[in-house]
Amino acid sequence: SSRIVVPHYSYWTGAYIVSRSGAEKLLAQNPVQKMMAVDEYLPLMFDAHPNREWSAAFTPRDLRAYSAAPLLIEPQFYIGQKGYISDTERSEIIAPPKDEL
């Protein structure tokens, strides 16, 4: 269909549907041990992330990703707009326990 497109790197994970095989691929990489934002992790897994060093830590990167054009879901507000709220942008960095340093 002309409305189904393959996404490139995007730092906006608003909504997604994951098949069982896709979830298995995501979990097989043990993402909790390599903690990162889902906005970074998903593009890594469908091999569209611009940071090749990060990509090298995840193999295989063969998740299949699709999007709709036009988008089916969009944010109500974008960064900088009145009413925009983020629960992550101003999050404090949590230091690892000293025994893990």
C-alpha atoms as a PDB file:
ATOM      1  CA  SER A   1       0.000   0.000   0.000  1.00  0.00           C
ATOM      2  CA  SER A   2       1.203   3.543  -0.652  1.00  0.00           C
ATOM      3  CA  ARG A   3       0.213   4.439   2.929  1.00  0.00           C
ATOM      4  CA  ILE A   4       2.671   2.011   4.529  1.00  0.00           C
ATOM      5  CA  VAL A   5       6.235   3.334   4.739  1.00  0.00           C
ATOM      6  CA  VAL A   6       9.502   2.127   6.251  1.00  0.00           C
ATOM      7  CA  PRO A   7      10.601   4.613   8.936  1.00  0.00           C
ATOM      8  CA  HIS A   8      14.028   6.128   9.316  1.00  0.00           C
ATOM      9  CA  TYR A   9      15.565   7.208  12.615  1.00  0.00           C
ATOM     10  CA  SER A  10      13.093   9.243  14.610  1.00  0.00           C
ATOM     11  CA  TYR A  11      13.201  10.328  18.205  1.00  0.00           C
ATOM     12  CA  TRP A  12       9.485  10.101  18.753  1.00  0.00           C
ATOM     13  CA  THR A  13       7.909   6.833  19.807  1.00  0.00           C
ATOM     14  CA  GLY A  14       4.286   7.826  20.245  1.00  0.00           C
ATOM     15  CA  ALA A  15       2.556   4.528  19.604  1.00  0.00           C
ATOM     16  CA  TYR A  16       3.492   1.168  18.210  1.00  0.00           C
ATOM     17  CA  ILE A  17       2.226  -2.339  17.666  1.00  0.00           C
ATOM     18  CA  VAL A  18       4.606  -5.242  18.191  1.00  0.00           C
ATOM     19  CA  SER A  19       4.040  -8.774  16.934  1.00  0.00           C
ATOM     20  CA  ARG A  20       5.026 -11.719  19.094  1.00  0.00           C
ATOM     21  CA  SER A  21       8.089 -12.397  16.926  1.00  0.00           C
ATOM     22  CA  GLY A  22       9.039  -8.706  17.105  1.00  0.00           C
ATOM     23  CA  ALA A  23       8.710  -8.737  20.908  1.00  0.00           C
ATOM     24  CA  GLU A  24      10.869 -11.858  21.040  1.00  0.00           C
ATOM     25  CA  LYS A  25      13.558 -10.108  18.962  1.00  0.00           C
ATOM     26  CA  LEU A  26      13.448  -7.071  21.240  1.00  0.00           C
ATOM     27  CA  LEU A  27      13.667  -9.146  24.420  1.00  0.00           C
ATOM     28  CA  ALA A  28      16.384 -11.447  23.060  1.00  0.00           C
ATOM     29  CA  GLN A  29      18.803  -8.492  23.172  1.00  0.00           C
ATOM     30  CA  ASN A  30      18.381  -8.245  26.974  1.00  0.00           C
ATOM     31  CA  PRO A  31      17.564  -4.518  26.792  1.00  0.00           C
ATOM     32  CA  VAL A  32      17.368  -4.051  30.565  1.00  0.00           C
ATOM     33  CA  GLN A  33      21.110  -4.743  30.777  1.00  0.00           C
ATOM     34  CA  LYS A  34      21.725  -2.119  28.050  1.00  0.00           C
ATOM     35  CA  MET A  35      19.233   0.452  29.352  1.00  0.00           C
ATOM     36  CA  MET A  36      18.309   3.182  26.890  1.00  0.00           C
ATOM     37  CA  ALA A  37      15.253   5.103  25.774  1.00  0.00           C
ATOM     38  CA  VAL A  38      12.806   3.197  23.587  1.00  0.00           C
ATOM     39  CA  ASP A  39      13.232   6.024  21.048  1.00  0.00           C
ATOM     40  CA  GLU A  40      16.849   4.908  20.671  1.00  0.00           C
ATOM     41  CA  TYR A  41      16.311   1.156  21.055  1.00  0.00           C
ATOM     42  CA  LEU A  42      13.687   0.623  18.353  1.00  0.00           C
ATOM     43  CA  PRO A  43      15.691   2.327  15.554  1.00  0.00           C
ATOM     44  CA  LEU A  44      18.758   0.358  16.662  1.00  0.00           C
ATOM     45  CA  MET A  45      16.814  -2.857  16.280  1.00  0.00           C
ATOM     46  CA  PHE A  46      15.527  -2.040  12.779  1.00  0.00           C
ATOM     47  CA  ASP A  47      19.041  -0.871  11.824  1.00  0.00           C
ATOM     48  CA  ALA A  48      18.198   2.777  11.208  1.00  0.00           C
ATOM     49  CA  HIS A  49      20.099   4.378  14.101  1.00  0.00           C
ATOM     50  CA  PRO A  50      22.819   6.872  13.104  1.00  0.00           C
ATOM     51  CA  ASN A  51      25.169   5.877  15.955  1.00  0.00           C
ATOM     52  CA  ARG A  52      27.077   2.906  14.534  1.00  0.00           C
ATOM     53  CA  GLU A  53      28.950   2.324  17.812  1.00  0.00           C
ATOM     54  CA  TRP A  54      25.653   1.789  19.648  1.00  0.00           C
ATOM     55  CA  SER A  55      24.351  -0.335  16.793  1.00  0.00           C
ATOM     56  CA  ALA A  56      27.344  -2.652  17.099  1.00  0.00           C
ATOM     57  CA  ALA A  57      26.185  -3.616  20.614  1.00  0.00           C
ATOM     58  CA  PHE A  58      22.951  -5.104  19.235  1.00  0.00           C
ATOM     59  CA  THR A  59      22.959  -7.988  16.781  1.00  0.00           C
ATOM     60  CA  PRO A  60      21.059  -9.072  14.886  1.00  0.00           C
ATOM     61  CA  ARG A  61      19.301  -5.811  14.003  1.00  0.00           C
ATOM     62  CA  ASP A  62      16.615  -7.343  11.827  1.00  0.00           C
ATOM     63  CA  LEU A  63      13.395  -6.043  13.384  1.00  0.00           C
ATOM     64  CA  ARG A  64      10.936  -5.041  10.654  1.00  0.00           C
ATOM     65  CA  ALA A  65       9.396  -1.596  11.207  1.00  0.00           C
ATOM     66  CA  TYR A  66       6.590   0.139   9.345  1.00  0.00           C
ATOM     67  CA  SER A  67       4.728   3.411   9.707  1.00  0.00           C
ATOM     68  CA  ALA A  68       1.641   4.967   8.210  1.00  0.00           C
ATOM     69  CA  ALA A  69       1.594   8.020   5.956  1.00  0.00           C
ATOM     70  CA  PRO A  70      -0.057  10.183   6.973  1.00  0.00           C
ATOM     71  CA  LEU A  71       0.541   9.393  10.632  1.00  0.00           C
ATOM     72  CA  LEU A  72      -2.374   7.802  12.483  1.00  0.00           C
ATOM     73  CA  ILE A  73      -1.301   9.172  15.883  1.00  0.00           C
ATOM     74  CA  GLU A  74       0.441  12.466  16.607  1.00  0.00           C
ATOM     75  CA  PRO A  75       1.390  14.245  19.831  1.00  0.00           C
ATOM     76  CA  GLN A  76      -0.978  16.898  21.087  1.00  0.00           C
ATOM     77  CA  PHE A  77       1.914  19.309  21.658  1.00  0.00           C
ATOM     78  CA  TYR A  78       5.462  19.463  20.377  1.00  0.00           C
ATOM     79  CA  ILE A  79       8.559  20.653  22.270  1.00  0.00           C
ATOM     80  CA  GLY A  80       8.359  24.388  22.901  1.00  0.00           C
ATOM     81  CA  GLN A  81       4.609  24.674  22.453  1.00  0.00           C
ATOM     82  CA  LYS A  82       2.433  25.900  25.305  1.00  0.00           C
ATOM     83  CA  GLY A  83       1.052  22.885  27.134  1.00  0.00           C
ATOM     84  CA  TYR A  84       3.983  20.595  26.246  1.00  0.00           C
ATOM     85  CA  ILE A  85       4.940  18.278  29.120  1.00  0.00           C
ATOM     86  CA  SER A  86       7.722  15.697  29.215  1.00  0.00           C
ATOM     87  CA  ASP A  87       8.330  13.188  31.974  1.00  0.00           C
ATOM     88  CA  THR A  88      11.847  12.462  30.721  1.00  0.00           C
ATOM     89  CA  GLU A  89      13.495  15.659  29.430  1.00  0.00           C
ATOM     90  CA  ARG A  90      14.204  17.037  32.859  1.00  0.00           C
ATOM     91  CA  SER A  91      14.796  13.728  34.588  1.00  0.00           C
ATOM     92  CA  GLU A  92      17.744  13.531  36.921  1.00  0.00           C
ATOM     93  CA  ILE A  93      20.557  11.141  36.076  1.00  0.00           C
ATOM     94  CA  ILE A  94      20.677   8.294  38.555  1.00  0.00           C
ATOM     95  CA  ALA A  95      24.193   7.218  39.457  1.00  0.00           C
ATOM     96  CA  PRO A  96      24.908   3.472  39.548  1.00  0.00           C
ATOM     97  CA  PRO A  97      25.638   1.914  42.938  1.00  0.00           C
ATOM     98  CA  LYS A  98      29.276   2.435  43.949  1.00  0.00           C
ATOM     99  CA  ASP A  99      29.979  -1.306  43.819  1.00  0.00           C
ATOM    100  CA  GLU A 100      29.165  -1.244  40.062  1.00  0.00           C
ATOM    101  CA  LEU A 101      31.615   1.544  39.202  1.00  0.00           C
END
